[in-house]
Amino acid sequence: MFAPTGIQLLRPEPIPDSYTDASARWALALTMQRIDRFQSDQGRIPQSLEELDPYLSQIVTYQRLPDGGCILQAPGPQGMISLTTHAPREPFLARSGELLRRGPKAAR
């Protein structure tokens, strides 16, 4: 028997959009926290994410802003999700931590 798209029973369920969104938001908030710590220690924001972690730029994009801040972006289920230096993080994260703790199956 030949099944070009695979066997449906063996395919894992897709990750829910709400879980993907929560993961992206959490990654951005944690990266911004690392930038804040870097700025506190070094007296400046990083030139690039490479100064924090060489692998971050595979997930998060980083742009320095003329006002001395920055903007981070990560792909989400509906497009790019952005977080700027001065944006309040609690509303940005909303229920992300709760969703991530419960896992993708609970987010369905």
PDB file of N, CA and C in Angstrom:
ATOM      1  N   MET A   1       0.847  -1.171   0.000  1.00  0.00           N
ATOM      2  CA  MET A   1       0.000   0.000   0.000  1.00  0.00           C
ATOM      3  C   MET A   1       0.900   1.245   0.000  1.00  0.00           C
ATOM      4  N   PHE A   2       0.525   2.241  -0.745  1.00  0.00           N
ATOM      5  CA  PHE A   2       1.316   3.464  -0.876  1.00  0.00           C
ATOM      6  C   PHE A   2       0.492   4.650  -0.371  1.00  0.00           C
ATOM      7  N   ALA A   3       1.068   5.431   0.550  1.00  0.00           N
ATOM      8  CA  ALA A   3       0.375   6.610   1.104  1.00  0.00           C
ATOM      9  C   ALA A   3       1.302   7.811   0.993  1.00  0.00           C
ATOM     10  N   PRO A   4       1.191   8.624  -0.091  1.00  0.00           N
ATOM     11  CA  PRO A   4       2.121   9.738  -0.318  1.00  0.00           C
ATOM     12  C   PRO A   4       2.113  10.796   0.793  1.00  0.00           C
ATOM     13  N   THR A   5       1.028  10.960   1.489  1.00  0.00           N
ATOM     14  CA  THR A   5       0.991  11.974   2.557  1.00  0.00           C
ATOM     15  C   THR A   5       1.200  11.366   3.932  1.00  0.00           C
ATOM     16  N   GLY A   6       1.562  10.098   3.963  1.00  0.00           N
ATOM     17  CA  GLY A   6       1.789   9.432   5.239  1.00  0.00           C
ATOM     18  C   GLY A   6       0.511   8.815   5.759  1.00  0.00           C
ATOM     19  N   ILE A   7       0.651   8.108   6.833  1.00  0.00           N
ATOM     20  CA  ILE A   7      -0.492   7.453   7.449  1.00  0.00           C
ATOM     21  C   ILE A   7      -1.036   8.377   8.529  1.00  0.00           C
ATOM     22  N   GLN A   8      -2.277   8.776   8.374  1.00  0.00           N
ATOM     23  CA  GLN A   8      -2.900   9.750   9.276  1.00  0.00           C
ATOM     24  C   GLN A   8      -2.770   9.350  10.743  1.00  0.00           C
ATOM     25  N   LEU A   9      -2.931   8.097  11.057  1.00  0.00           N
ATOM     26  CA  LEU A   9      -2.862   7.644  12.449  1.00  0.00           C
ATOM     27  C   LEU A   9      -1.481   7.827  13.063  1.00  0.00           C
ATOM     28  N   LEU A  10      -0.455   7.829  12.236  1.00  0.00           N
ATOM     29  CA  LEU A  10       0.916   7.944  12.733  1.00  0.00           C
ATOM     30  C   LEU A  10       1.429   9.383  12.782  1.00  0.00           C
ATOM     31  N   ARG A  11       0.696  10.291  12.162  1.00  0.00           N
ATOM     32  CA  ARG A  11       1.115  11.688  12.129  1.00  0.00           C
ATOM     33  C   ARG A  11       0.819  12.367  13.467  1.00  0.00           C
ATOM     34  N   PRO A  12       1.781  13.118  14.007  1.00  0.00           N
ATOM     35  CA  PRO A  12       1.492  13.850  15.252  1.00  0.00           C
ATOM     36  C   PRO A  12       0.500  14.981  14.984  1.00  0.00           C
ATOM     37  N   GLU A  13      -0.264  15.319  16.004  1.00  0.00           N
ATOM     38  CA  GLU A  13      -1.200  16.432  15.874  1.00  0.00           C
ATOM     39  C   GLU A  13      -0.417  17.733  15.761  1.00  0.00           C
ATOM     40  N   PRO A  14      -0.915  18.690  14.975  1.00  0.00           N
ATOM     41  CA  PRO A  14      -0.219  19.983  14.873  1.00  0.00           C
ATOM     42  C   PRO A  14      -0.265  20.725  16.213  1.00  0.00           C
ATOM     43  N   ILE A  15       0.736  21.527  16.444  1.00  0.00           N
ATOM     44  CA  ILE A  15       0.779  22.341  17.657  1.00  0.00           C
ATOM     45  C   ILE A  15      -0.260  23.453  17.515  1.00  0.00           C
ATOM     46  N   PRO A  16      -1.096  23.666  18.523  1.00  0.00           N
ATOM     47  CA  PRO A  16      -2.128  24.709  18.435  1.00  0.00           C
ATOM     48  C   PRO A  16      -1.520  26.106  18.273  1.00  0.00           C
ATOM     49  N   ASP A  17      -2.210  26.952  17.519  1.00  0.00           N
ATOM     50  CA  ASP A  17      -1.749  28.331  17.312  1.00  0.00           C
ATOM     51  C   ASP A  17      -1.544  29.063  18.626  1.00  0.00           C
ATOM     52  N   SER A  18      -2.416  28.836  19.598  1.00  0.00           N
ATOM     53  CA  SER A  18      -2.282  29.543  20.877  1.00  0.00           C
ATOM     54  C   SER A  18      -0.982  29.165  21.577  1.00  0.00           C
ATOM     55  N   TYR A  19      -0.562  27.925  21.449  1.00  0.00           N
ATOM     56  CA  TYR A  19       0.691  27.483  22.073  1.00  0.00           C
ATOM     57  C   TYR A  19       1.893  28.059  21.327  1.00  0.00           C
ATOM     58  N   THR A  20       1.817  28.086  19.995  1.00  0.00           N
ATOM     59  CA  THR A  20       2.889  28.676  19.193  1.00  0.00           C
ATOM     60  C   THR A  20       3.040  30.162  19.505  1.00  0.00           C
ATOM     61  N   ASP A  21       1.916  30.865  19.617  1.00  0.00           N
ATOM     62  CA  ASP A  21       1.926  32.289  19.956  1.00  0.00           C
ATOM     63  C   ASP A  21       2.545  32.508  21.339  1.00  0.00           C
ATOM     64  N   ALA A  22       2.147  31.698  22.311  1.00  0.00           N
ATOM     65  CA  ALA A  22       2.684  31.824  23.672  1.00  0.00           C
ATOM     66  C   ALA A  22       4.192  31.573  23.683  1.00  0.00           C
ATOM     67  N   SER A  23       4.648  30.592  22.916  1.00  0.00           N
ATOM     68  CA  SER A  23       6.084  30.288  22.849  1.00  0.00           C
ATOM     69  C   SER A  23       6.873  31.457  22.270  1.00  0.00           C
ATOM     70  N   ALA A  24       6.355  32.054  21.208  1.00  0.00           N
ATOM     71  CA  ALA A  24       7.034  33.192  20.583  1.00  0.00           C
ATOM     72  C   ALA A  24       7.076  34.380  21.542  1.00  0.00           C
ATOM     73  N   ARG A  25       5.965  34.666  22.207  1.00  0.00           N
ATOM     74  CA  ARG A  25       5.921  35.782  23.155  1.00  0.00           C
ATOM     75  C   ARG A  25       6.900  35.564  24.313  1.00  0.00           C
ATOM     76  N   TRP A  26       6.946  34.341  24.808  1.00  0.00           N
ATOM     77  CA  TRP A  26       7.844  34.037  25.921  1.00  0.00           C
ATOM     78  C   TRP A  26       9.306  34.204  25.482  1.00  0.00           C
ATOM     79  N   ALA A  27       9.643  33.735  24.277  1.00  0.00           N
ATOM     80  CA  ALA A  27      11.009  33.879  23.762  1.00  0.00           C
ATOM     81  C   ALA A  27      11.390  35.354  23.628  1.00  0.00           C
ATOM     82  N   LEU A  28      10.469  36.177  23.144  1.00  0.00           N
ATOM     83  CA  LEU A  28      10.750  37.605  23.005  1.00  0.00           C
ATOM     84  C   LEU A  28      10.934  38.273  24.361  1.00  0.00           C
ATOM     85  N   ALA A  29      10.073  37.966  25.314  1.00  0.00           N
ATOM     86  CA  ALA A  29      10.166  38.585  26.637  1.00  0.00           C
ATOM     87  C   ALA A  29      11.463  38.178  27.343  1.00  0.00           C
ATOM     88  N   LEU A  30      11.837  36.917  27.243  1.00  0.00           N
ATOM     89  CA  LEU A  30      13.079  36.468  27.868  1.00  0.00           C
ATOM     90  C   LEU A  30      14.297  37.103  27.195  1.00  0.00           C
ATOM     91  N   THR A  31      14.247  37.235  25.874  1.00  0.00           N
ATOM     92  CA  THR A  31      15.355  37.881  25.165  1.00  0.00           C
ATOM     93  C   THR A  31      15.453  39.352  25.564  1.00  0.00           C
ATOM     94  N   MET A  32      14.310  40.029  25.704  1.00  0.00           N
ATOM     95  CA  MET A  32      14.330  41.433  26.127  1.00  0.00           C
ATOM     96  C   MET A  32      14.882  41.557  27.545  1.00  0.00           C
ATOM     97  N   GLN A  33      14.564  40.606  28.395  1.00  0.00           N
ATOM     98  CA  GLN A  33      15.107  40.602  29.751  1.00  0.00           C
ATOM     99  C   GLN A  33      16.633  40.450  29.717  1.00  0.00           C
ATOM    100  N   ARG A  34      17.127  39.624  28.829  1.00  0.00           N
ATOM    101  CA  ARG A  34      18.577  39.470  28.682  1.00  0.00           C
ATOM    102  C   ARG A  34      19.216  40.753  28.152  1.00  0.00           C
ATOM    103  N   ILE A  35      18.519  41.440  27.248  1.00  0.00           N
ATOM    104  CA  ILE A  35      19.019  42.719  26.738  1.00  0.00           C
ATOM    105  C   ILE A  35      19.064  43.749  27.871  1.00  0.00           C
ATOM    106  N   ASP A  36      18.033  43.780  28.702  1.00  0.00           N
ATOM    107  CA  ASP A  36      18.012  44.693  29.850  1.00  0.00           C
ATOM    108  C   ASP A  36      19.193  44.427  30.778  1.00  0.00           C
ATOM    109  N   ARG A  37      19.454  43.159  31.047  1.00  0.00           N
ATOM    110  CA  ARG A  37      20.569  42.793  31.920  1.00  0.00           C
ATOM    111  C   ARG A  37      21.900  43.181  31.275  1.00  0.00           C
ATOM    112  N   PHE A  38      22.032  42.947  29.980  1.00  0.00           N
ATOM    113  CA  PHE A  38      23.234  43.329  29.247  1.00  0.00           C
ATOM    114  C   PHE A  38      23.449  44.831  29.345  1.00  0.00           C
ATOM    115  N   GLN A  39      22.382  45.592  29.140  1.00  0.00           N
ATOM    116  CA  GLN A  39      22.477  47.048  29.203  1.00  0.00           C
ATOM    117  C   GLN A  39      22.863  47.514  30.604  1.00  0.00           C
ATOM    118  N   SER A  40      22.326  46.878  31.608  1.00  0.00           N
ATOM    119  CA  SER A  40      22.667  47.223  32.988  1.00  0.00           C
ATOM    120  C   SER A  40      24.145  46.948  33.277  1.00  0.00           C
ATOM    121  N   ASP A  41      24.644  45.825  32.764  1.00  0.00           N
ATOM    122  CA  ASP A  41      26.044  45.447  32.999  1.00  0.00           C
ATOM    123  C   ASP A  41      27.026  46.221  32.131  1.00  0.00           C
ATOM    124  N   GLN A  42      26.675  46.442  30.850  1.00  0.00           N
ATOM    125  CA  GLN A  42      27.603  47.035  29.884  1.00  0.00           C
ATOM    126  C   GLN A  42      27.390  48.528  29.639  1.00  0.00           C
ATOM    127  N   GLY A  43      26.245  49.051  30.071  1.00  0.00           N
ATOM    128  CA  GLY A  43      25.954  50.455  29.848  1.00  0.00           C
ATOM    129  C   GLY A  43      25.488  50.771  28.436  1.00  0.00           C
ATOM    130  N   ARG A  44      25.132  49.759  27.676  1.00  0.00           N
ATOM    131  CA  ARG A  44      24.665  49.933  26.299  1.00  0.00           C
ATOM    132  C   ARG A  44      23.854  48.710  25.914  1.00  0.00           C
ATOM    133  N   ILE A  45      23.042  48.861  24.857  1.00  0.00           N
ATOM    134  CA  ILE A  45      22.356  47.676  24.355  1.00  0.00           C
ATOM    135  C   ILE A  45      23.298  46.947  23.392  1.00  0.00           C
ATOM    136  N   PRO A  46      23.087  45.675  23.185  1.00  0.00           N
ATOM    137  CA  PRO A  46      23.988  44.930  22.295  1.00  0.00           C
ATOM    138  C   PRO A  46      23.950  45.448  20.857  1.00  0.00           C
ATOM    139  N   GLN A  47      25.069  45.309  20.173  1.00  0.00           N
ATOM    140  CA  GLN A  47      25.126  45.636  18.748  1.00  0.00           C
ATOM    141  C   GLN A  47      24.298  44.639  17.945  1.00  0.00           C
ATOM    142  N   SER A  48      24.305  43.383  18.398  1.00  0.00           N
ATOM    143  CA  SER A  48      23.538  42.321  17.747  1.00  0.00           C
ATOM    144  C   SER A  48      23.217  41.258  18.801  1.00  0.00           C
ATOM    145  N   LEU A  49      22.365  40.338  18.439  1.00  0.00           N
ATOM    146  CA  LEU A  49      22.032  39.255  19.362  1.00  0.00           C
ATOM    147  C   LEU A  49      23.203  38.313  19.580  1.00  0.00           C
ATOM    148  N   GLU A  50      24.176  38.353  18.689  1.00  0.00           N
ATOM    149  CA  GLU A  50      25.369  37.523  18.838  1.00  0.00           C
ATOM    150  C   GLU A  50      26.077  37.805  20.163  1.00  0.00           C
ATOM    151  N   GLU A  51      25.959  39.023  20.668  1.00  0.00           N
ATOM    152  CA  GLU A  51      26.587  39.362  21.943  1.00  0.00           C
ATOM    153  C   GLU A  51      25.908  38.659  23.118  1.00  0.00           C
ATOM    154  N   LEU A  52      24.679  38.255  22.937  1.00  0.00           N
ATOM    155  CA  LEU A  52      23.953  37.543  23.988  1.00  0.00           C
ATOM    156  C   LEU A  52      24.084  36.030  23.820  1.00  0.00           C
ATOM    157  N   ASP A  53      23.875  35.573  22.604  1.00  0.00           N
ATOM    158  CA  ASP A  53      23.869  34.144  22.311  1.00  0.00           C
ATOM    159  C   ASP A  53      23.936  33.980  20.793  1.00  0.00           C
ATOM    160  N   PRO A  54      24.889  33.219  20.288  1.00  0.00           N
ATOM    161  CA  PRO A  54      25.025  33.100  18.838  1.00  0.00           C
ATOM    162  C   PRO A  54      23.844  32.411  18.154  1.00  0.00           C
ATOM    163  N   TYR A  55      23.008  31.715  18.899  1.00  0.00           N
ATOM    164  CA  TYR A  55      21.887  30.990  18.292  1.00  0.00           C
ATOM    165  C   TYR A  55      20.576  31.771  18.323  1.00  0.00           C
ATOM    166  N   LEU A  56      20.514  32.849  19.077  1.00  0.00           N
ATOM    167  CA  LEU A  56      19.272  33.618  19.183  1.00  0.00           C
ATOM    168  C   LEU A  56      18.797  34.156  17.843  1.00  0.00           C
ATOM    169  N   SER A  57      19.710  34.560  17.001  1.00  0.00           N
ATOM    170  CA  SER A  57      19.312  35.165  15.727  1.00  0.00           C
ATOM    171  C   SER A  57      18.653  34.164  14.789  1.00  0.00           C
ATOM    172  N   GLN A  58      18.676  32.873  15.130  1.00  0.00           N
ATOM    173  CA  GLN A  58      17.966  31.876  14.330  1.00  0.00           C
ATOM    174  C   GLN A  58      16.474  31.884  14.644  1.00  0.00           C
ATOM    175  N   ILE A  59      16.112  32.468  15.800  1.00  0.00           N
ATOM    176  CA  ILE A  59      14.726  32.481  16.251  1.00  0.00           C
ATOM    177  C   ILE A  59      14.145  33.892  16.263  1.00  0.00           C
ATOM    178  N   VAL A  60      14.953  34.834  16.738  1.00  0.00           N
ATOM    179  CA  VAL A  60      14.495  36.199  16.994  1.00  0.00           C
ATOM    180  C   VAL A  60      15.257  37.166  16.103  1.00  0.00           C
ATOM    181  N   THR A  61      14.554  38.148  15.527  1.00  0.00           N
ATOM    182  CA  THR A  61      15.244  39.227  14.819  1.00  0.00           C
ATOM    183  C   THR A  61      15.360  40.421  15.758  1.00  0.00           C
ATOM    184  N   TYR A  62      16.407  41.194  15.572  1.00  0.00           N
ATOM    185  CA  TYR A  62      16.754  42.292  16.474  1.00  0.00           C
ATOM    186  C   TYR A  62      17.081  43.522  15.654  1.00  0.00           C
ATOM    187  N   GLN A  63      16.503  44.637  16.047  1.00  0.00           N
ATOM    188  CA  GLN A  63      16.818  45.902  15.383  1.00  0.00           C
ATOM    189  C   GLN A  63      17.007  46.974  16.446  1.00  0.00           C
ATOM    190  N   ARG A  64      18.149  47.634  16.392  1.00  0.00           N
ATOM    191  CA  ARG A  64      18.384  48.767  17.290  1.00  0.00           C
ATOM    192  C   ARG A  64      17.599  49.962  16.766  1.00  0.00           C
ATOM    193  N   LEU A  65      17.083  50.761  17.697  1.00  0.00           N
ATOM    194  CA  LEU A  65      16.306  51.939  17.333  1.00  0.00           C
ATOM    195  C   LEU A  65      17.094  53.200  17.632  1.00  0.00           C
ATOM    196  N   PRO A  66      16.835  54.295  16.908  1.00  0.00           N
ATOM    197  CA  PRO A  66      17.573  55.538  17.118  1.00  0.00           C
ATOM    198  C   PRO A  66      17.447  56.097  18.534  1.00  0.00           C
ATOM    199  N   ASP A  67      16.357  55.763  19.240  1.00  0.00           N
ATOM    200  CA  ASP A  67      16.166  56.293  20.593  1.00  0.00           C
ATOM    201  C   ASP A  67      16.952  55.526  21.654  1.00  0.00           C
ATOM    202  N   GLY A  68      17.789  54.567  21.232  1.00  0.00           N
ATOM    203  CA  GLY A  68      18.575  53.795  22.182  1.00  0.00           C
ATOM    204  C   GLY A  68      17.896  52.504  22.609  1.00  0.00           C
ATOM    205  N   GLY A  69      16.722  52.260  22.116  1.00  0.00           N
ATOM    206  CA  GLY A  69      16.007  51.023  22.416  1.00  0.00           C
ATOM    207  C   GLY A  69      16.181  50.025  21.285  1.00  0.00           C
ATOM    208  N   CYS A  70      15.317  49.041  21.279  1.00  0.00           N
ATOM    209  CA  CYS A  70      15.367  48.038  20.226  1.00  0.00           C
ATOM    210  C   CYS A  70      13.990  47.420  20.034  1.00  0.00           C
ATOM    211  N   ILE A  71      13.867  46.671  18.961  1.00  0.00           N
ATOM    212  CA  ILE A  71      12.654  45.916  18.680  1.00  0.00           C
ATOM    213  C   ILE A  71      13.067  44.480  18.385  1.00  0.00           C
ATOM    214  N   LEU A  72      12.334  43.557  18.971  1.00  0.00           N
ATOM    215  CA  LEU A  72      12.540  42.138  18.728  1.00  0.00           C
ATOM    216  C   LEU A  72      11.325  41.605  17.987  1.00  0.00           C
ATOM    217  N   GLN A  73      11.554  40.644  17.105  1.00  0.00           N
ATOM    218  CA  GLN A  73      10.452  40.017  16.383  1.00  0.00           C
ATOM    219  C   GLN A  73      10.696  38.516  16.291  1.00  0.00           C
ATOM    220  N   ALA A  74       9.593  37.768  16.330  1.00  0.00           N
ATOM    221  CA  ALA A  74       9.635  36.319  16.151  1.00  0.00           C
ATOM    222  C   ALA A  74       8.392  35.910  15.371  1.00  0.00           C
ATOM    223  N   PRO A  75       8.499  34.841  14.600  1.00  0.00           N
ATOM    224  CA  PRO A  75       7.328  34.406  13.845  1.00  0.00           C
ATOM    225  C   PRO A  75       6.265  33.814  14.767  1.00  0.00           C
ATOM    226  N   GLY A  76       5.032  34.196  14.520  1.00  0.00           N
ATOM    227  CA  GLY A  76       3.894  33.654  15.252  1.00  0.00           C
ATOM    228  C   GLY A  76       2.938  33.018  14.265  1.00  0.00           C
ATOM    229  N   PRO A  77       1.868  32.449  14.743  1.00  0.00           N
ATOM    230  CA  PRO A  77       0.936  31.767  13.849  1.00  0.00           C
ATOM    231  C   PRO A  77       0.228  32.695  12.862  1.00  0.00           C
ATOM    232  N   GLN A  78       0.092  33.976  13.204  1.00  0.00           N
ATOM    233  CA  GLN A  78      -0.597  34.933  12.328  1.00  0.00           C
ATOM    234  C   GLN A  78       0.359  35.944  11.711  1.00  0.00           C
ATOM    235  N   GLY A  79       1.664  35.685  11.764  1.00  0.00           N
ATOM    236  CA  GLY A  79       2.658  36.621  11.251  1.00  0.00           C
ATOM    237  C   GLY A  79       3.672  36.953  12.332  1.00  0.00           C
ATOM    238  N   MET A  80       4.424  38.007  12.115  1.00  0.00           N
ATOM    239  CA  MET A  80       5.477  38.381  13.060  1.00  0.00           C
ATOM    240  C   MET A  80       4.884  39.004  14.326  1.00  0.00           C
ATOM    241  N   ILE A  81       5.473  38.640  15.461  1.00  0.00           N
ATOM    242  CA  ILE A  81       5.112  39.205  16.759  1.00  0.00           C
ATOM    243  C   ILE A  81       6.271  40.102  17.164  1.00  0.00           C
ATOM    244  N   SER A  82       5.977  41.302  17.629  1.00  0.00           N
ATOM    245  CA  SER A  82       7.018  42.280  17.954  1.00  0.00           C
ATOM    246  C   SER A  82       6.938  42.715  19.404  1.00  0.00           C
ATOM    247  N   LEU A  83       8.106  43.010  19.961  1.00  0.00           N
ATOM    248  CA  LEU A  83       8.212  43.567  21.309  1.00  0.00           C
ATOM    249  C   LEU A  83       9.275  44.658  21.276  1.00  0.00           C
ATOM    250  N   THR A  84       8.917  45.857  21.732  1.00  0.00           N
ATOM    251  CA  THR A  84       9.881  46.952  21.793  1.00  0.00           C
ATOM    252  C   THR A  84      10.377  47.125  23.219  1.00  0.00           C
ATOM    253  N   THR A  85      11.494  47.803  23.349  1.00  0.00           N
ATOM    254  CA  THR A  85      12.142  47.996  24.638  1.00  0.00           C
ATOM    255  C   THR A  85      11.195  48.545  25.692  1.00  0.00           C
ATOM    256  N   HIS A  86      10.413  49.539  25.335  1.00  0.00           N
ATOM    257  CA  HIS A  86       9.609  50.254  26.327  1.00  0.00           C
ATOM    258  C   HIS A  86       8.194  49.712  26.493  1.00  0.00           C
ATOM    259  N   ALA A  87       7.855  48.660  25.779  1.00  0.00           N
ATOM    260  CA  ALA A  87       6.502  48.084  25.891  1.00  0.00           C
ATOM    261  C   ALA A  87       6.365  47.336  27.216  1.00  0.00           C
ATOM    262  N   PRO A  88       5.229  47.487  27.887  1.00  0.00           N
ATOM    263  CA  PRO A  88       5.024  46.733  29.125  1.00  0.00           C
ATOM    264  C   PRO A  88       4.952  45.233  28.818  1.00  0.00           C
ATOM    265  N   ARG A  89       5.670  44.443  29.566  1.00  0.00           N
ATOM    266  CA  ARG A  89       5.790  43.022  29.259  1.00  0.00           C
ATOM    267  C   ARG A  89       4.630  42.190  29.781  1.00  0.00           C
ATOM    268  N   GLU A  90       4.051  42.575  30.895  1.00  0.00           N
ATOM    269  CA  GLU A  90       2.971  41.763  31.457  1.00  0.00           C
ATOM    270  C   GLU A  90       1.784  41.645  30.499  1.00  0.00           C
ATOM    271  N   PRO A  91       1.280  42.755  29.942  1.00  0.00           N
ATOM    272  CA  PRO A  91       0.189  42.598  28.970  1.00  0.00           C
ATOM    273  C   PRO A  91       0.635  41.864  27.705  1.00  0.00           C
ATOM    274  N   PHE A  92       1.891  42.040  27.312  1.00  0.00           N
ATOM    275  CA  PHE A  92       2.418  41.365  26.124  1.00  0.00           C
ATOM    276  C   PHE A  92       2.394  39.846  26.319  1.00  0.00           C
ATOM    277  N   LEU A  93       2.773  39.404  27.517  1.00  0.00           N
ATOM    278  CA  LEU A  93       2.803  37.968  27.803  1.00  0.00           C
ATOM    279  C   LEU A  93       1.414  37.392  28.040  1.00  0.00           C
ATOM    280  N   ALA A  94       0.515  38.201  28.586  1.00  0.00           N
ATOM    281  CA  ALA A  94      -0.859  37.772  28.883  1.00  0.00           C
ATOM    282  C   ALA A  94      -0.849  36.421  29.589  1.00  0.00           C
ATOM    283  N   ARG A  95      -1.436  35.412  28.986  1.00  0.00           N
ATOM    284  CA  ARG A  95      -1.527  34.088  29.603  1.00  0.00           C
ATOM    285  C   ARG A  95      -0.475  33.123  29.054  1.00  0.00           C
ATOM    286  N   SER A  96       0.568  33.624  28.451  1.00  0.00           N
ATOM    287  CA  SER A  96       1.562  32.768  27.812  1.00  0.00           C
ATOM    288  C   SER A  96       2.189  31.771  28.776  1.00  0.00           C
ATOM    289  N   GLY A  97       2.585  32.214  29.937  1.00  0.00           N
ATOM    290  CA  GLY A  97       3.208  31.318  30.907  1.00  0.00           C
ATOM    291  C   GLY A  97       2.291  30.183  31.312  1.00  0.00           C
ATOM    292  N   GLU A  98       1.040  30.513  31.527  1.00  0.00           N
ATOM    293  CA  GLU A  98       0.048  29.497  31.901  1.00  0.00           C
ATOM    294  C   GLU A  98      -0.123  28.462  30.782  1.00  0.00           C
ATOM    295  N   LEU A  99      -0.244  28.932  29.551  1.00  0.00           N
ATOM    296  CA  LEU A  99      -0.396  28.016  28.414  1.00  0.00           C
ATOM    297  C   LEU A  99       0.823  27.111  28.255  1.00  0.00           C
ATOM    298  N   LEU A 100       2.007  27.670  28.417  1.00  0.00           N
ATOM    299  CA  LEU A 100       3.227  26.878  28.261  1.00  0.00           C
ATOM    300  C   LEU A 100       3.363  25.840  29.367  1.00  0.00           C
ATOM    301  N   ARG A 101       2.989  26.195  30.583  1.00  0.00           N
ATOM    302  CA  ARG A 101       3.042  25.241  31.689  1.00  0.00           C
ATOM    303  C   ARG A 101       2.106  24.059  31.470  1.00  0.00           C
ATOM    304  N   ARG A 102       0.944  24.327  30.920  1.00  0.00           N
ATOM    305  CA  ARG A 102      -0.050  23.274  30.704  1.00  0.00           C
ATOM    306  C   ARG A 102       0.304  22.374  29.526  1.00  0.00           C
ATOM    307  N   GLY A 103       1.034  22.896  28.560  1.00  0.00           N
ATOM    308  CA  GLY A 103       1.454  22.095  27.410  1.00  0.00           C
ATOM    309  C   GLY A 103       0.545  22.248  26.212  1.00  0.00           C
ATOM    310  N   PRO A 104       1.021  21.794  25.054  1.00  0.00           N
ATOM    311  CA  PRO A 104       0.261  21.997  23.816  1.00  0.00           C
ATOM    312  C   PRO A 104      -1.074  21.259  23.795  1.00  0.00           C
ATOM    313  N   LYS A 105      -1.177  20.108  24.425  1.00  0.00           N
ATOM    314  CA  LYS A 105      -2.446  19.375  24.404  1.00  0.00           C
ATOM    315  C   LYS A 105      -3.530  20.131  25.155  1.00  0.00           C
ATOM    316  N   ALA A 106      -3.167  20.820  26.228  1.00  0.00           N
ATOM    317  CA  ALA A 106      -4.149  21.590  26.998  1.00  0.00           C
ATOM    318  C   ALA A 106      -4.555  22.850  26.271  1.00  0.00           C
ATOM    319  N   ALA A 107      -3.756  23.299  25.310  1.00  0.00           N
ATOM    320  CA  ALA A 107      -4.056  24.545  24.577  1.00  0.00           C
ATOM    321  C   ALA A 107      -5.053  24.312  23.444  1.00  0.00           C
ATOM    322  N   ARG A 108      -5.431  23.109  23.201  1.00  0.00           N
ATOM    323  CA  ARG A 108      -6.371  22.794  22.102  1.00  0.00           C
ATOM    324  C   ARG A 108      -7.764  23.266  22.430  1.00  0.00           C
TER     325      ARG A 108
END
